[in-house]
């Protein structure tokens, strides 16, 4: 496993747990598809990209305001080296930063 993937996968696991606890099973079920890509960094980054550009921006905001791990927090603060400036900007906007 690459260093980047080794960093990203545990963050995604925490996001998965926090999503289920704060947002419920509907949102968690949609996010759970990340497991299909957990061995492929490029595909996992693309999955995250697609989710942060979805219409459900309230999910990231809600997780952030409950001090939980969101995809947006992963993009903007934990793994910005994996994302482009527009993705980071989108994540920060969603988080209200």
C-alpha atoms as a PDB file:
ATOM      1  CA  UNK A   1       0.000   0.000   0.000  1.00  0.00           C
ATOM      2  CA  UNK A   2       1.381   3.404  -0.914  1.00  0.00           C
ATOM      3  CA  UNK A   3       2.047   5.969   1.799  1.00  0.00           C
ATOM      4  CA  UNK A   4      -0.757   8.164   0.448  1.00  0.00           C
ATOM      5  CA  UNK A   5      -3.214   5.288   0.424  1.00  0.00           C
ATOM      6  CA  UNK A   6      -2.046   4.247   3.894  1.00  0.00           C
ATOM      7  CA  UNK A   7      -2.899   7.757   5.099  1.00  0.00           C
ATOM      8  CA  UNK A   8      -6.171   8.122   3.207  1.00  0.00           C
ATOM      9  CA  UNK A   9      -7.829   4.781   4.030  1.00  0.00           C
ATOM     10  CA  UNK A  10      -7.911   5.280   7.846  1.00  0.00           C
ATOM     11  CA  UNK A  11      -9.341   8.776   7.327  1.00  0.00           C
ATOM     12  CA  UNK A  12     -12.036   7.315   5.096  1.00  0.00           C
ATOM     13  CA  UNK A  13     -12.835   4.686   7.726  1.00  0.00           C
ATOM     14  CA  UNK A  14     -13.311   7.438  10.316  1.00  0.00           C
ATOM     15  CA  UNK A  15     -15.454   9.435   7.902  1.00  0.00           C
ATOM     16  CA  UNK A  16     -17.547   6.324   7.296  1.00  0.00           C
ATOM     17  CA  UNK A  17     -18.092   5.815  11.051  1.00  0.00           C
ATOM     18  CA  UNK A  18     -18.855   9.492  11.674  1.00  0.00           C
ATOM     19  CA  UNK A  19     -21.251   9.663   8.732  1.00  0.00           C
ATOM     20  CA  UNK A  20     -23.225   6.706  10.057  1.00  0.00           C
ATOM     21  CA  UNK A  21     -23.361   8.168  13.586  1.00  0.00           C
ATOM     22  CA  UNK A  22     -24.274  11.739  12.625  1.00  0.00           C
ATOM     23  CA  UNK A  23     -26.129  11.471   9.308  1.00  0.00           C
ATOM     24  CA  UNK A  24     -27.627   7.990   9.499  1.00  0.00           C
ATOM     25  CA  UNK A  25     -27.709   4.948   7.303  1.00  0.00           C
ATOM     26  CA  UNK A  26     -28.857   6.630   4.083  1.00  0.00           C
ATOM     27  CA  UNK A  27     -25.793   8.851   3.815  1.00  0.00           C
ATOM     28  CA  UNK A  28     -23.555   6.099   5.173  1.00  0.00           C
ATOM     29  CA  UNK A  29     -24.782   3.641   2.549  1.00  0.00           C
ATOM     30  CA  UNK A  30     -23.868   6.066  -0.239  1.00  0.00           C
ATOM     31  CA  UNK A  31     -20.446   6.719   1.274  1.00  0.00           C
ATOM     32  CA  UNK A  32     -19.783   3.011   1.852  1.00  0.00           C
ATOM     33  CA  UNK A  33     -19.060   2.579  -1.852  1.00  0.00           C
ATOM     34  CA  UNK A  34     -15.588   3.951  -1.124  1.00  0.00           C
ATOM     35  CA  UNK A  35     -14.629   0.417  -0.055  1.00  0.00           C
ATOM     36  CA  UNK A  36     -14.721  -0.619  -3.717  1.00  0.00           C
ATOM     37  CA  UNK A  37     -11.726   1.673  -4.308  1.00  0.00           C
ATOM     38  CA  UNK A  38      -9.720   1.374  -1.100  1.00  0.00           C
ATOM     39  CA  UNK A  39      -6.877  -0.482  -2.836  1.00  0.00           C
ATOM     40  CA  UNK A  40      -6.613   2.005  -5.739  1.00  0.00           C
ATOM     41  CA  UNK A  41      -5.493   5.528  -4.829  1.00  0.00           C
ATOM     42  CA  UNK A  42      -6.493   7.097  -8.142  1.00  0.00           C
ATOM     43  CA  UNK A  43      -9.981   5.659  -8.074  1.00  0.00           C
ATOM     44  CA  UNK A  44     -10.453   6.547  -4.395  1.00  0.00           C
ATOM     45  CA  UNK A  45      -9.396  10.152  -5.017  1.00  0.00           C
ATOM     46  CA  UNK A  46     -11.839  10.269  -7.968  1.00  0.00           C
ATOM     47  CA  UNK A  47     -14.603   8.870  -5.718  1.00  0.00           C
ATOM     48  CA  UNK A  48     -13.939  11.622  -3.165  1.00  0.00           C
ATOM     49  CA  UNK A  49     -13.849  14.246  -5.929  1.00  0.00           C
ATOM     50  CA  UNK A  50     -17.238  13.097  -7.219  1.00  0.00           C
ATOM     51  CA  UNK A  51     -18.744  13.223  -3.729  1.00  0.00           C
ATOM     52  CA  UNK A  52     -17.494  16.706  -2.832  1.00  0.00           C
ATOM     53  CA  UNK A  53     -18.972  18.002  -6.094  1.00  0.00           C
ATOM     54  CA  UNK A  54     -22.352  16.378  -5.443  1.00  0.00           C
ATOM     55  CA  UNK A  55     -25.452  18.254  -4.376  1.00  0.00           C
ATOM     56  CA  UNK A  56     -25.252  16.912  -0.803  1.00  0.00           C
ATOM     57  CA  UNK A  57     -22.898  19.612   0.480  1.00  0.00           C
ATOM     58  CA  UNK A  58     -24.894  19.785   3.684  1.00  0.00           C
ATOM     59  CA  UNK A  59     -23.431  16.420   4.736  1.00  0.00           C
ATOM     60  CA  UNK A  60     -19.879  17.791   4.902  1.00  0.00           C
ATOM     61  CA  UNK A  61     -21.047  20.931   6.644  1.00  0.00           C
ATOM     62  CA  UNK A  62     -23.037  18.926   9.214  1.00  0.00           C
ATOM     63  CA  UNK A  63     -20.114  16.620   9.970  1.00  0.00           C
ATOM     64  CA  UNK A  64     -17.777  19.606  10.321  1.00  0.00           C
ATOM     65  CA  UNK A  65     -20.098  21.384  12.737  1.00  0.00           C
ATOM     66  CA  UNK A  66     -20.302  18.237  14.846  1.00  0.00           C
ATOM     67  CA  UNK A  67     -16.485  18.016  14.940  1.00  0.00           C
ATOM     68  CA  UNK A  68     -16.467  14.831  12.879  1.00  0.00           C
ATOM     69  CA  UNK A  69     -14.473  13.691   9.866  1.00  0.00           C
ATOM     70  CA  UNK A  70     -15.894  14.709   6.508  1.00  0.00           C
ATOM     71  CA  UNK A  71     -14.663  14.148   2.984  1.00  0.00           C
ATOM     72  CA  UNK A  72     -14.135  17.890   2.772  1.00  0.00           C
ATOM     73  CA  UNK A  73     -11.919  17.870   5.878  1.00  0.00           C
ATOM     74  CA  UNK A  74      -9.875  15.055   4.349  1.00  0.00           C
ATOM     75  CA  UNK A  75      -9.436  17.048   1.119  1.00  0.00           C
ATOM     76  CA  UNK A  76      -8.660  20.430   2.671  1.00  0.00           C
ATOM     77  CA  UNK A  77      -6.696  19.544   5.791  1.00  0.00           C
ATOM     78  CA  UNK A  78      -5.483  15.949   5.842  1.00  0.00           C
ATOM     79  CA  UNK A  79      -4.562  15.090   2.236  1.00  0.00           C
ATOM     80  CA  UNK A  80      -4.483  18.308   0.185  1.00  0.00           C
ATOM     81  CA  UNK A  81      -1.495  16.979  -1.750  1.00  0.00           C
ATOM     82  CA  UNK A  82      -3.850  14.489  -3.440  1.00  0.00           C
ATOM     83  CA  UNK A  83      -6.296  17.108  -4.699  1.00  0.00           C
ATOM     84  CA  UNK A  84      -6.176  20.093  -7.008  1.00  0.00           C
ATOM     85  CA  UNK A  85      -6.748  23.695  -5.900  1.00  0.00           C
ATOM     86  CA  UNK A  86     -10.357  23.800  -7.118  1.00  0.00           C
ATOM     87  CA  UNK A  87     -11.208  20.651  -5.115  1.00  0.00           C
ATOM     88  CA  UNK A  88      -9.609  22.151  -2.012  1.00  0.00           C
ATOM     89  CA  UNK A  89     -11.472  25.415  -2.562  1.00  0.00           C
ATOM     90  CA  UNK A  90     -14.775  23.513  -2.961  1.00  0.00           C
ATOM     91  CA  UNK A  91     -14.107  21.589   0.255  1.00  0.00           C
ATOM     92  CA  UNK A  92     -13.315  24.761   2.194  1.00  0.00           C
ATOM     93  CA  UNK A  93     -16.448  26.469   0.885  1.00  0.00           C
ATOM     94  CA  UNK A  94     -18.578  23.528   2.000  1.00  0.00           C
ATOM     95  CA  UNK A  95     -16.977  23.613   5.440  1.00  0.00           C
ATOM     96  CA  UNK A  96     -17.656  27.344   5.708  1.00  0.00           C
ATOM     97  CA  UNK A  97     -13.954  28.224   5.887  1.00  0.00           C
END
